[in-house]
Amino acid sequence: SGVEFTAIAEGVCTLKGVNKPTKAKISVKYILESDATRKRAAGD
């Protein structure tokens, strides 16, 4: 049906014109396209 994973997203947050290195904890659920998912939207 798909894949689920966790990770740390490393990047840059921009707020009030200031750029700062930022890390976010993320969890991702990737669901493969099926007849059921197409009722919401095409693609995965």
PDB file of all heavy atoms in Angstrom:
ATOM      1  N   SER A   1       0.816  -1.222   0.000  1.00  0.00           N
ATOM      2  CA  SER A   1       0.000   0.000   0.000  1.00  0.00           C
ATOM      3  C   SER A   1       0.846   1.265   0.000  1.00  0.00           C
ATOM      4  O   SER A   1       0.379   2.336  -0.392  1.00  0.00           O
ATOM      5  CB  SER A   1      -0.937   0.015   1.221  1.00  0.00           C
ATOM      6  OG  SER A   1      -0.193   0.073   2.428  1.00  0.00           O
ATOM      7  N   GLY A   2       2.094   1.164   0.458  1.00  0.00           N
ATOM      8  CA  GLY A   2       2.940   2.342   0.499  1.00  0.00           C
ATOM      9  C   GLY A   2       4.042   2.234   1.529  1.00  0.00           C
ATOM     10  O   GLY A   2       4.376   1.148   2.000  1.00  0.00           O
ATOM     11  N   VAL A   3       4.601   3.385   1.892  1.00  0.00           N
ATOM     12  CA  VAL A   3       5.752   3.439   2.796  1.00  0.00           C
ATOM     13  C   VAL A   3       5.528   4.514   3.845  1.00  0.00           C
ATOM     14  O   VAL A   3       4.945   5.578   3.561  1.00  0.00           O
ATOM     15  CB  VAL A   3       7.052   3.754   2.017  1.00  0.00           C
ATOM     16  CG1 VAL A   3       8.256   3.745   2.941  1.00  0.00           C
ATOM     17  CG2 VAL A   3       7.249   2.775   0.873  1.00  0.00           C
ATOM     18  N   GLU A   4       5.981   4.258   5.058  1.00  0.00           N
ATOM     19  CA  GLU A   4       5.982   5.262   6.111  1.00  0.00           C
ATOM     20  C   GLU A   4       7.400   5.383   6.658  1.00  0.00           C
ATOM     21  O   GLU A   4       8.067   4.367   6.873  1.00  0.00           O
ATOM     22  CB  GLU A   4       5.015   4.887   7.236  1.00  0.00           C
ATOM     23  CG  GLU A   4       3.556   4.859   6.800  1.00  0.00           C
ATOM     24  CD  GLU A   4       2.609   4.495   7.942  1.00  0.00           C
ATOM     25  OE1 GLU A   4       3.032   4.596   9.124  1.00  0.00           O
ATOM     26  OE2 GLU A   4       1.464   4.106   7.652  1.00  0.00           O
ATOM     27  N   PHE A   5       7.859   6.625   6.872  1.00  0.00           N
ATOM     28  CA  PHE A   5       9.191   6.808   7.425  1.00  0.00           C
ATOM     29  C   PHE A   5       9.267   8.075   8.261  1.00  0.00           C
ATOM     30  O   PHE A   5       8.429   8.968   8.143  1.00  0.00           O
ATOM     31  CB  PHE A   5      10.254   6.829   6.319  1.00  0.00           C
ATOM     32  CG  PHE A   5      10.222   8.029   5.408  1.00  0.00           C
ATOM     33  CD1 PHE A   5      10.945   9.182   5.703  1.00  0.00           C
ATOM     34  CD2 PHE A   5       9.473   8.012   4.230  1.00  0.00           C
ATOM     35  CE1 PHE A   5      10.925  10.280   4.860  1.00  0.00           C
ATOM     36  CE2 PHE A   5       9.450   9.096   3.378  1.00  0.00           C
ATOM     37  CZ  PHE A   5      10.171  10.246   3.693  1.00  0.00           C
ATOM     38  N   THR A   6      10.270   8.133   9.125  1.00  0.00           N
ATOM     39  CA  THR A   6      10.558   9.333   9.902  1.00  0.00           C
ATOM     40  C   THR A   6      11.928   9.852   9.492  1.00  0.00           C
ATOM     41  O   THR A   6      12.762   9.109   8.960  1.00  0.00           O
ATOM     42  CB  THR A   6      10.540   9.056  11.418  1.00  0.00           C
ATOM     43  OG1 THR A   6      11.537   8.067  11.718  1.00  0.00           O
ATOM     44  CG2 THR A   6       9.175   8.564  11.869  1.00  0.00           C
ATOM     45  N   ALA A   7      12.165  11.139   9.745  1.00  0.00           N
ATOM     46  CA  ALA A   7      13.450  11.735   9.386  1.00  0.00           C
ATOM     47  C   ALA A   7      13.590  13.098  10.056  1.00  0.00           C
ATOM     48  O   ALA A   7      12.660  13.593  10.697  1.00  0.00           O
ATOM     49  CB  ALA A   7      13.559  11.891   7.864  1.00  0.00           C
ATOM     50  N   ILE A   8      14.752  13.678   9.902  1.00  0.00           N
ATOM     51  CA  ILE A   8      14.988  15.068  10.287  1.00  0.00           C
ATOM     52  C   ILE A   8      15.112  15.876   9.006  1.00  0.00           C
ATOM     53  O   ILE A   8      15.963  15.574   8.154  1.00  0.00           O
ATOM     54  CB  ILE A   8      16.275  15.228  11.116  1.00  0.00           C
ATOM     55  CG1 ILE A   8      16.223  14.359  12.377  1.00  0.00           C
ATOM     56  CG2 ILE A   8      16.488  16.695  11.472  1.00  0.00           C
ATOM     57  CD1 ILE A   8      15.133  14.734  13.345  1.00  0.00           C
ATOM     58  N   ALA A   9      14.248  16.875   8.838  1.00  0.00           N
ATOM     59  CA  ALA A   9      14.327  17.770   7.681  1.00  0.00           C
ATOM     60  C   ALA A   9      15.242  18.943   8.043  1.00  0.00           C
ATOM     61  O   ALA A   9      14.961  19.682   8.982  1.00  0.00           O
ATOM     62  CB  ALA A   9      12.946  18.272   7.300  1.00  0.00           C
ATOM     63  N   GLU A  10      16.335  19.057   7.314  1.00  0.00           N
ATOM     64  CA  GLU A  10      17.297  20.132   7.563  1.00  0.00           C
ATOM     65  C   GLU A  10      17.160  21.198   6.485  1.00  0.00           C
ATOM     66  O   GLU A  10      17.113  20.879   5.298  1.00  0.00           O
ATOM     67  CB  GLU A  10      18.720  19.575   7.569  1.00  0.00           C
ATOM     68  CG  GLU A  10      18.949  18.491   8.605  1.00  0.00           C
ATOM     69  CD  GLU A  10      20.378  17.979   8.580  1.00  0.00           C
ATOM     70  OE1 GLU A  10      21.261  18.682   8.047  1.00  0.00           O
ATOM     71  OE2 GLU A  10      20.616  16.874   9.095  1.00  0.00           O
ATOM     72  N   GLY A  11      17.088  22.441   6.914  1.00  0.00           N
ATOM     73  CA  GLY A  11      16.925  23.498   5.932  1.00  0.00           C
ATOM     74  C   GLY A  11      17.049  24.878   6.531  1.00  0.00           C
ATOM     75  O   GLY A  11      17.769  25.087   7.519  1.00  0.00           O
ATOM     76  N   VAL A  12      16.321  25.818   5.942  1.00  0.00           N
ATOM     77  CA  VAL A  12      16.398  27.221   6.350  1.00  0.00           C
ATOM     78  C   VAL A  12      14.996  27.771   6.563  1.00  0.00           C
ATOM     79  O   VAL A  12      14.138  27.662   5.680  1.00  0.00           O
ATOM     80  CB  VAL A  12      17.121  28.075   5.280  1.00  0.00           C
ATOM     81  CG1 VAL A  12      17.117  29.547   5.677  1.00  0.00           C
ATOM     82  CG2 VAL A  12      18.551  27.586   5.090  1.00  0.00           C
ATOM     83  N   CYS A  13      14.778  28.339   7.732  1.00  0.00           N
ATOM     84  CA  CYS A  13      13.513  29.018   8.022  1.00  0.00           C
ATOM     85  C   CYS A  13      13.716  30.519   7.805  1.00  0.00           C
ATOM     86  O   CYS A  13      14.713  31.082   8.265  1.00  0.00           O
ATOM     87  CB  CYS A  13      13.081  28.742   9.462  1.00  0.00           C
ATOM     88  SG  CYS A  13      11.510  29.534   9.925  1.00  0.00           S
ATOM     89  N   THR A  14      12.787  31.142   7.103  1.00  0.00           N
ATOM     90  CA  THR A  14      12.850  32.586   6.864  1.00  0.00           C
ATOM     91  C   THR A  14      11.648  33.247   7.519  1.00  0.00           C
ATOM     92  O   THR A  14      10.500  32.934   7.205  1.00  0.00           O
ATOM     93  CB  THR A  14      12.856  32.899   5.356  1.00  0.00           C
ATOM     94  OG1 THR A  14      13.995  32.278   4.750  1.00  0.00           O
ATOM     95  CG2 THR A  14      12.936  34.403   5.122  1.00  0.00           C
ATOM     96  N   LEU A  15      11.940  34.135   8.470  1.00  0.00           N
ATOM     97  CA  LEU A  15      10.893  34.816   9.233  1.00  0.00           C
ATOM     98  C   LEU A  15      11.354  36.240   9.497  1.00  0.00           C
ATOM     99  O   LEU A  15      12.481  36.455   9.953  1.00  0.00           O
ATOM    100  CB  LEU A  15      10.646  34.067  10.549  1.00  0.00           C
ATOM    101  CG  LEU A  15       9.429  34.411  11.404  1.00  0.00           C
ATOM    102  CD1 LEU A  15       9.133  33.268  12.376  1.00  0.00           C
ATOM    103  CD2 LEU A  15       9.645  35.689  12.201  1.00  0.00           C
ATOM    104  N   LYS A  16      10.521  37.197   9.183  1.00  0.00           N
ATOM    105  CA  LYS A  16      10.824  38.630   9.357  1.00  0.00           C
ATOM    106  C   LYS A  16      12.138  39.006   8.669  1.00  0.00           C
ATOM    107  O   LYS A  16      12.926  39.788   9.181  1.00  0.00           O
ATOM    108  CB  LYS A  16      10.864  39.001  10.834  1.00  0.00           C
ATOM    109  CG  LYS A  16      10.581  40.494  11.082  1.00  0.00           C
ATOM    110  CD  LYS A  16      10.536  40.837  12.554  1.00  0.00           C
ATOM    111  CE  LYS A  16      10.240  42.319  12.735  1.00  0.00           C
ATOM    112  NZ  LYS A  16      10.199  42.695  14.168  1.00  0.00           N
ATOM    113  N   GLY A  17      12.368  38.397   7.503  1.00  0.00           N
ATOM    114  CA  GLY A  17      13.546  38.722   6.708  1.00  0.00           C
ATOM    115  C   GLY A  17      14.828  38.091   7.179  1.00  0.00           C
ATOM    116  O   GLY A  17      15.900  38.336   6.607  1.00  0.00           O
ATOM    117  N   VAL A  18      14.765  37.259   8.223  1.00  0.00           N
ATOM    118  CA  VAL A  18      15.956  36.605   8.768  1.00  0.00           C
ATOM    119  C   VAL A  18      15.954  35.131   8.360  1.00  0.00           C
ATOM    120  O   VAL A  18      14.931  34.452   8.475  1.00  0.00           O
ATOM    121  CB  VAL A  18      15.998  36.712  10.304  1.00  0.00           C
ATOM    122  CG1 VAL A  18      17.208  35.984  10.865  1.00  0.00           C
ATOM    123  CG2 VAL A  18      16.006  38.184  10.727  1.00  0.00           C
ATOM    124  N   ASN A  19      17.109  34.657   7.881  1.00  0.00           N
ATOM    125  CA  ASN A  19      17.259  33.256   7.498  1.00  0.00           C
ATOM    126  C   ASN A  19      18.074  32.521   8.555  1.00  0.00           C
ATOM    127  O   ASN A  19      19.184  32.947   8.888  1.00  0.00           O
ATOM    128  CB  ASN A  19      17.971  33.138   6.143  1.00  0.00           C
ATOM    129  CG  ASN A  19      17.258  33.900   5.046  1.00  0.00           C
ATOM    130  OD1 ASN A  19      16.040  33.832   4.930  1.00  0.00           O
ATOM    131  ND2 ASN A  19      18.013  34.629   4.244  1.00  0.00           N
ATOM    132  N   LYS A  20      17.519  31.421   9.061  1.00  0.00           N
ATOM    133  CA  LYS A  20      18.218  30.660  10.092  1.00  0.00           C
ATOM    134  C   LYS A  20      18.170  29.167   9.767  1.00  0.00           C
ATOM    135  O   LYS A  20      17.112  28.649   9.399  1.00  0.00           O
ATOM    136  CB  LYS A  20      17.572  30.892  11.457  1.00  0.00           C
ATOM    137  CG  LYS A  20      17.841  32.263  12.062  1.00  0.00           C
ATOM    138  CD  LYS A  20      19.284  32.379  12.527  1.00  0.00           C
ATOM    139  CE  LYS A  20      19.539  33.721  13.177  1.00  0.00           C
ATOM    140  NZ  LYS A  20      20.956  33.849  13.608  1.00  0.00           N
ATOM    141  N   PRO A  21      19.314  28.473   9.940  1.00  0.00           N
ATOM    142  CA  PRO A  21      19.296  27.014   9.783  1.00  0.00           C
ATOM    143  C   PRO A  21      18.298  26.413  10.781  1.00  0.00           C
ATOM    144  O   PRO A  21      18.268  26.794  11.953  1.00  0.00           O
ATOM    145  CB  PRO A  21      20.733  26.599  10.123  1.00  0.00           C
ATOM    146  CG  PRO A  21      21.551  27.831   9.906  1.00  0.00           C
ATOM    147  CD  PRO A  21      20.661  28.978  10.276  1.00  0.00           C
ATOM    148  N   THR A  22      17.487  25.484  10.304  1.00  0.00           N
ATOM    149  CA  THR A  22      16.424  24.902  11.127  1.00  0.00           C
ATOM    150  C   THR A  22      16.300  23.412  10.850  1.00  0.00           C
ATOM    151  O   THR A  22      16.487  22.968   9.720  1.00  0.00           O
ATOM    152  CB  THR A  22      15.072  25.592  10.831  1.00  0.00           C
ATOM    153  OG1 THR A  22      15.207  26.999  11.046  1.00  0.00           O
ATOM    154  CG2 THR A  22      13.969  25.059  11.734  1.00  0.00           C
ATOM    155  N   LYS A  23      16.005  22.656  11.903  1.00  0.00           N
ATOM    156  CA  LYS A  23      15.762  21.231  11.763  1.00  0.00           C
ATOM    157  C   LYS A  23      14.368  20.907  12.285  1.00  0.00           C
ATOM    158  O   LYS A  23      13.956  21.426  13.325  1.00  0.00           O
ATOM    159  CB  LYS A  23      16.804  20.412  12.537  1.00  0.00           C
ATOM    160  CG  LYS A  23      18.212  20.539  11.980  1.00  0.00           C
ATOM    161  CD  LYS A  23      19.178  19.661  12.769  1.00  0.00           C
ATOM    162  CE  LYS A  23      20.589  19.757  12.210  1.00  0.00           C
ATOM    163  NZ  LYS A  23      21.539  18.876  12.962  1.00  0.00           N
ATOM    164  N   ALA A  24      13.656  20.075  11.551  1.00  0.00           N
ATOM    165  CA  ALA A  24      12.307  19.668  11.945  1.00  0.00           C
ATOM    166  C   ALA A  24      12.211  18.152  11.972  1.00  0.00           C
ATOM    167  O   ALA A  24      12.733  17.473  11.081  1.00  0.00           O
ATOM    168  CB  ALA A  24      11.264  20.244  10.987  1.00  0.00           C
ATOM    169  N   LYS A  25      11.563  17.623  12.999  1.00  0.00           N
ATOM    170  CA  LYS A  25      11.263  16.201  13.023  1.00  0.00           C
ATOM    171  C   LYS A  25      10.048  15.965  12.134  1.00  0.00           C
ATOM    172  O   LYS A  25       9.035  16.650  12.279  1.00  0.00           O
ATOM    173  CB  LYS A  25      10.957  15.748  14.445  1.00  0.00           C
ATOM    174  CG  LYS A  25      12.122  15.832  15.396  1.00  0.00           C
ATOM    175  CD  LYS A  25      11.713  15.361  16.784  1.00  0.00           C
ATOM    176  CE  LYS A  25      12.871  15.441  17.761  1.00  0.00           C
ATOM    177  NZ  LYS A  25      12.482  15.002  19.124  1.00  0.00           N
ATOM    178  N   ILE A  26      10.148  15.023  11.217  1.00  0.00           N
ATOM    179  CA  ILE A  26       9.029  14.765  10.316  1.00  0.00           C
ATOM    180  C   ILE A  26       8.666  13.280  10.294  1.00  0.00           C
ATOM    181  O   ILE A  26       9.514  12.418  10.519  1.00  0.00           O
ATOM    182  CB  ILE A  26       9.312  15.238   8.872  1.00  0.00           C
ATOM    183  CG1 ILE A  26      10.435  14.406   8.230  1.00  0.00           C
ATOM    184  CG2 ILE A  26       9.656  16.722   8.842  1.00  0.00           C
ATOM    185  CD1 ILE A  26      10.587  14.650   6.735  1.00  0.00           C
ATOM    186  N   SER A  27       7.404  13.021  10.042  1.00  0.00           N
ATOM    187  CA  SER A  27       6.943  11.668   9.739  1.00  0.00           C
ATOM    188  C   SER A  27       6.170  11.746   8.430  1.00  0.00           C
ATOM    189  O   SER A  27       5.380  12.685   8.226  1.00  0.00           O
ATOM    190  CB  SER A  27       6.063  11.118  10.867  1.00  0.00           C
ATOM    191  OG  SER A  27       4.930  11.929  11.071  1.00  0.00           O
ATOM    192  N   VAL A  28       6.419  10.805   7.548  1.00  0.00           N
ATOM    193  CA  VAL A  28       5.854  10.834   6.197  1.00  0.00           C
ATOM    194  C   VAL A  28       5.101   9.540   5.924  1.00  0.00           C
ATOM    195  O   VAL A  28       5.607   8.445   6.198  1.00  0.00           O
ATOM    196  CB  VAL A  28       6.960  11.027   5.135  1.00  0.00           C
ATOM    197  CG1 VAL A  28       6.351  11.040   3.729  1.00  0.00           C
ATOM    198  CG2 VAL A  28       7.742  12.310   5.401  1.00  0.00           C
ATOM    199  N   LYS A  29       3.910   9.690   5.381  1.00  0.00           N
ATOM    200  CA  LYS A  29       3.128   8.536   4.935  1.00  0.00           C
ATOM    201  C   LYS A  29       2.941   8.670   3.426  1.00  0.00           C
ATOM    202  O   LYS A  29       2.331   9.636   2.951  1.00  0.00           O
ATOM    203  CB  LYS A  29       1.783   8.478   5.640  1.00  0.00           C
ATOM    204  CG  LYS A  29       0.930   7.277   5.251  1.00  0.00           C
ATOM    205  CD  LYS A  29      -0.420   7.274   5.971  1.00  0.00           C
ATOM    206  CE  LYS A  29      -0.261   7.012   7.443  1.00  0.00           C
ATOM    207  NZ  LYS A  29      -1.579   6.851   8.122  1.00  0.00           N
ATOM    208  N   TYR A  30       3.480   7.728   2.671  1.00  0.00           N
ATOM    209  CA  TYR A  30       3.419   7.745   1.213  1.00  0.00           C
ATOM    210  C   TYR A  30       2.513   6.592   0.778  1.00  0.00           C
ATOM    211  O   TYR A  30       2.844   5.425   0.969  1.00  0.00           O
ATOM    212  CB  TYR A  30       4.826   7.578   0.631  1.00  0.00           C
ATOM    213  CG  TYR A  30       4.927   7.806  -0.857  1.00  0.00           C
ATOM    214  CD1 TYR A  30       5.451   8.998  -1.355  1.00  0.00           C
ATOM    215  CD2 TYR A  30       4.516   6.835  -1.774  1.00  0.00           C
ATOM    216  CE1 TYR A  30       5.553   9.213  -2.725  1.00  0.00           C
ATOM    217  CE2 TYR A  30       4.607   7.041  -3.134  1.00  0.00           C
ATOM    218  CZ  TYR A  30       5.132   8.229  -3.602  1.00  0.00           C
ATOM    219  OH  TYR A  30       5.229   8.447  -4.953  1.00  0.00           O
ATOM    220  N   ILE A  31       1.361   6.928   0.198  1.00  0.00           N
ATOM    221  CA  ILE A  31       0.366   5.920  -0.177  1.00  0.00           C
ATOM    222  C   ILE A  31       0.337   5.771  -1.693  1.00  0.00           C
ATOM    223  O   ILE A  31       0.097   6.738  -2.422  1.00  0.00           O
ATOM    224  CB  ILE A  31      -1.033   6.312   0.343  1.00  0.00           C
ATOM    225  CG1 ILE A  31      -0.993   6.499   1.866  1.00  0.00           C
ATOM    226  CG2 ILE A  31      -2.060   5.248  -0.037  1.00  0.00           C
ATOM    227  CD1 ILE A  31      -2.293   7.001   2.445  1.00  0.00           C
ATOM    228  N   LEU A  32       0.576   4.555  -2.164  1.00  0.00           N
ATOM    229  CA  LEU A  32       0.587   4.301  -3.600  1.00  0.00           C
ATOM    230  C   LEU A  32      -0.817   4.441  -4.198  1.00  0.00           C
ATOM    231  O   LEU A  32      -1.816   4.127  -3.553  1.00  0.00           O
ATOM    232  CB  LEU A  32       1.122   2.894  -3.872  1.00  0.00           C
ATOM    233  CG  LEU A  32       2.578   2.655  -3.434  1.00  0.00           C
ATOM    234  CD1 LEU A  32       2.935   1.186  -3.575  1.00  0.00           C
ATOM    235  CD2 LEU A  32       3.534   3.524  -4.248  1.00  0.00           C
ATOM    236  N   GLU A  33      -0.868   4.919  -5.436  1.00  0.00           N
ATOM    237  CA  GLU A  33      -2.146   5.147  -6.112  1.00  0.00           C
ATOM    238  C   GLU A  33      -2.939   3.850  -6.239  1.00  0.00           C
ATOM    239  O   GLU A  33      -2.393   2.786  -6.540  1.00  0.00           O
ATOM    240  CB  GLU A  33      -1.902   5.745  -7.491  1.00  0.00           C
ATOM    241  CG  GLU A  33      -3.182   6.142  -8.218  1.00  0.00           C
ATOM    242  CD  GLU A  33      -2.904   6.835  -9.535  1.00  0.00           C
ATOM    243  OE1 GLU A  33      -1.793   6.668 -10.068  1.00  0.00           O
ATOM    244  OE2 GLU A  33      -3.798   7.541 -10.034  1.00  0.00           O
ATOM    245  N   SER A  34      -4.223   3.949  -5.989  1.00  0.00           N
ATOM    246  CA  SER A  34      -5.124   2.799  -6.105  1.00  0.00           C
ATOM    247  C   SER A  34      -6.517   3.322  -6.439  1.00  0.00           C
ATOM    248  O   SER A  34      -6.751   4.539  -6.489  1.00  0.00           O
ATOM    249  CB  SER A  34      -5.169   2.017  -4.791  1.00  0.00           C
ATOM    250  OG  SER A  34      -5.771   2.795  -3.765  1.00  0.00           O
ATOM    251  N   ASP A  35      -7.451   2.424  -6.675  1.00  0.00           N
ATOM    252  CA  ASP A  35      -8.823   2.839  -6.939  1.00  0.00           C
ATOM    253  C   ASP A  35      -9.371   3.662  -5.777  1.00  0.00           C
ATOM    254  O   ASP A  35     -10.114   4.625  -5.973  1.00  0.00           O
ATOM    255  CB  ASP A  35      -9.716   1.611  -7.168  1.00  0.00           C
ATOM    256  CG  ASP A  35      -9.399   0.902  -8.479  1.00  0.00           C
ATOM    257  OD1 ASP A  35      -8.810   1.550  -9.376  1.00  0.00           O
ATOM    258  OD2 ASP A  35      -9.735  -0.294  -8.610  1.00  0.00           O
ATOM    259  N   ALA A  36      -8.988   3.284  -4.554  1.00  0.00           N
ATOM    260  CA  ALA A  36      -9.477   3.998  -3.366  1.00  0.00           C
ATOM    261  C   ALA A  36      -8.893   5.401  -3.273  1.00  0.00           C
ATOM    262  O   ALA A  36      -9.612   6.365  -2.984  1.00  0.00           O
ATOM    263  CB  ALA A  36      -9.135   3.201  -2.107  1.00  0.00           C
ATOM    264  N   THR A  37      -7.595   5.546  -3.559  1.00  0.00           N
ATOM    265  CA  THR A  37      -6.965   6.866  -3.429  1.00  0.00           C
ATOM    266  C   THR A  37      -7.431   7.819  -4.523  1.00  0.00           C
ATOM    267  O   THR A  37      -7.458   9.034  -4.321  1.00  0.00           O
ATOM    268  CB  THR A  37      -5.430   6.759  -3.472  1.00  0.00           C
ATOM    269  OG1 THR A  37      -5.018   6.260  -4.759  1.00  0.00           O
ATOM    270  CG2 THR A  37      -4.921   5.847  -2.376  1.00  0.00           C
ATOM    271  N   ARG A  38      -7.794   7.289  -5.686  1.00  0.00           N
ATOM    272  CA  ARG A  38      -8.237   8.142  -6.796  1.00  0.00           C
ATOM    273  C   ARG A  38      -9.543   8.863  -6.472  1.00  0.00           C
ATOM    274  O   ARG A  38      -9.883   9.846  -7.133  1.00  0.00           O
ATOM    275  CB  ARG A  38      -8.404   7.323  -8.073  1.00  0.00           C
ATOM    276  CG  ARG A  38      -7.090   6.832  -8.663  1.00  0.00           C
ATOM    277  CD  ARG A  38      -7.282   6.185 -10.033  1.00  0.00           C
ATOM    278  NE  ARG A  38      -6.125   5.396 -10.401  1.00  0.00           N
ATOM    279  CZ  ARG A  38      -6.034   4.083 -10.242  1.00  0.00           C
ATOM    280  NH1 ARG A  38      -7.068   3.397  -9.763  1.00  0.00           N
ATOM    281  NH2 ARG A  38      -4.932   3.437 -10.576  1.00  0.00           N
ATOM    282  N   LYS A  39     -10.251   8.401  -5.456  1.00  0.00           N
ATOM    283  CA  LYS A  39     -11.467   9.093  -5.036  1.00  0.00           C
ATOM    284  C   LYS A  39     -11.140  10.441  -4.395  1.00  0.00           C
ATOM    285  O   LYS A  39     -11.982  11.331  -4.333  1.00  0.00           O
ATOM    286  CB  LYS A  39     -12.255   8.220  -4.055  1.00  0.00           C
ATOM    287  CG  LYS A  39     -12.805   6.944  -4.690  1.00  0.00           C
ATOM    288  CD  LYS A  39     -13.528   6.087  -3.677  1.00  0.00           C
ATOM    289  CE  LYS A  39     -14.056   4.792  -4.319  1.00  0.00           C
ATOM    290  NZ  LYS A  39     -14.744   3.925  -3.324  1.00  0.00           N
ATOM    291  N   ARG A  40      -9.898  10.570  -3.917  1.00  0.00           N
ATOM    292  CA  ARG A  40      -9.429  11.853  -3.375  1.00  0.00           C
ATOM    293  C   ARG A  40      -8.710  12.667  -4.443  1.00  0.00           C
ATOM    294  O   ARG A  40      -9.034  13.814  -4.697  1.00  0.00           O
ATOM    295  CB  ARG A  40      -8.468  11.620  -2.204  1.00  0.00           C
ATOM    296  CG  ARG A  40      -9.097  11.192  -0.904  1.00  0.00           C
ATOM    297  CD  ARG A  40      -8.097  11.425   0.220  1.00  0.00           C
ATOM    298  NE  ARG A  40      -8.524  10.846   1.471  1.00  0.00           N
ATOM    299  CZ  ARG A  40      -7.870  10.997   2.615  1.00  0.00           C
ATOM    300  NH1 ARG A  40      -6.750  11.700   2.634  1.00  0.00           N
ATOM    301  NH2 ARG A  40      -8.320  10.451   3.718  1.00  0.00           N
ATOM    302  N   ALA A  41      -7.694  12.035  -5.039  1.00  0.00           N
ATOM    303  CA  ALA A  41      -6.884  12.741  -6.049  1.00  0.00           C
ATOM    304  C   ALA A  41      -6.087  11.719  -6.842  1.00  0.00           C
ATOM    305  O   ALA A  41      -5.826  10.607  -6.380  1.00  0.00           O
ATOM    306  CB  ALA A  41      -5.945  13.731  -5.379  1.00  0.00           C
ATOM    307  N   ALA A  42      -5.696  12.106  -8.055  1.00  0.00           N
ATOM    308  CA  ALA A  42      -4.874  11.232  -8.891  1.00  0.00           C
ATOM    309  C   ALA A  42      -3.452  11.188  -8.349  1.00  0.00           C
ATOM    310  O   ALA A  42      -3.012  12.078  -7.621  1.00  0.00           O
ATOM    311  CB  ALA A  42      -4.883  11.752 -10.323  1.00  0.00           C
ATOM    312  N   GLY A  43      -2.731  10.139  -8.718  1.00  0.00           N
ATOM    313  CA  GLY A  43      -1.341  10.007  -8.286  1.00  0.00           C
ATOM    314  C   GLY A  43      -1.227   9.413  -6.894  1.00  0.00           C
ATOM    315  O   GLY A  43      -2.217   9.088  -6.237  1.00  0.00           O
ATOM    316  N   ASP A  44       0.013   9.271  -6.428  1.00  0.00           N
ATOM    317  CA  ASP A  44       0.252   8.792  -5.068  1.00  0.00           C
ATOM    318  C   ASP A  44      -0.087   9.907  -4.083  1.00  0.00           C
ATOM    319  O   ASP A  44       0.097  11.092  -4.384  1.00  0.00           O
ATOM    320  CB  ASP A  44       1.713   8.376  -4.901  1.00  0.00           C
ATOM    321  CG  ASP A  44       2.115   7.274  -5.873  1.00  0.00           C
ATOM    322  OD1 ASP A  44       1.223   6.512  -6.306  1.00  0.00           O
ATOM    323  OD2 ASP A  44       3.319   7.182  -6.199  1.00  0.00           O
TER     324      ASP A  44
END
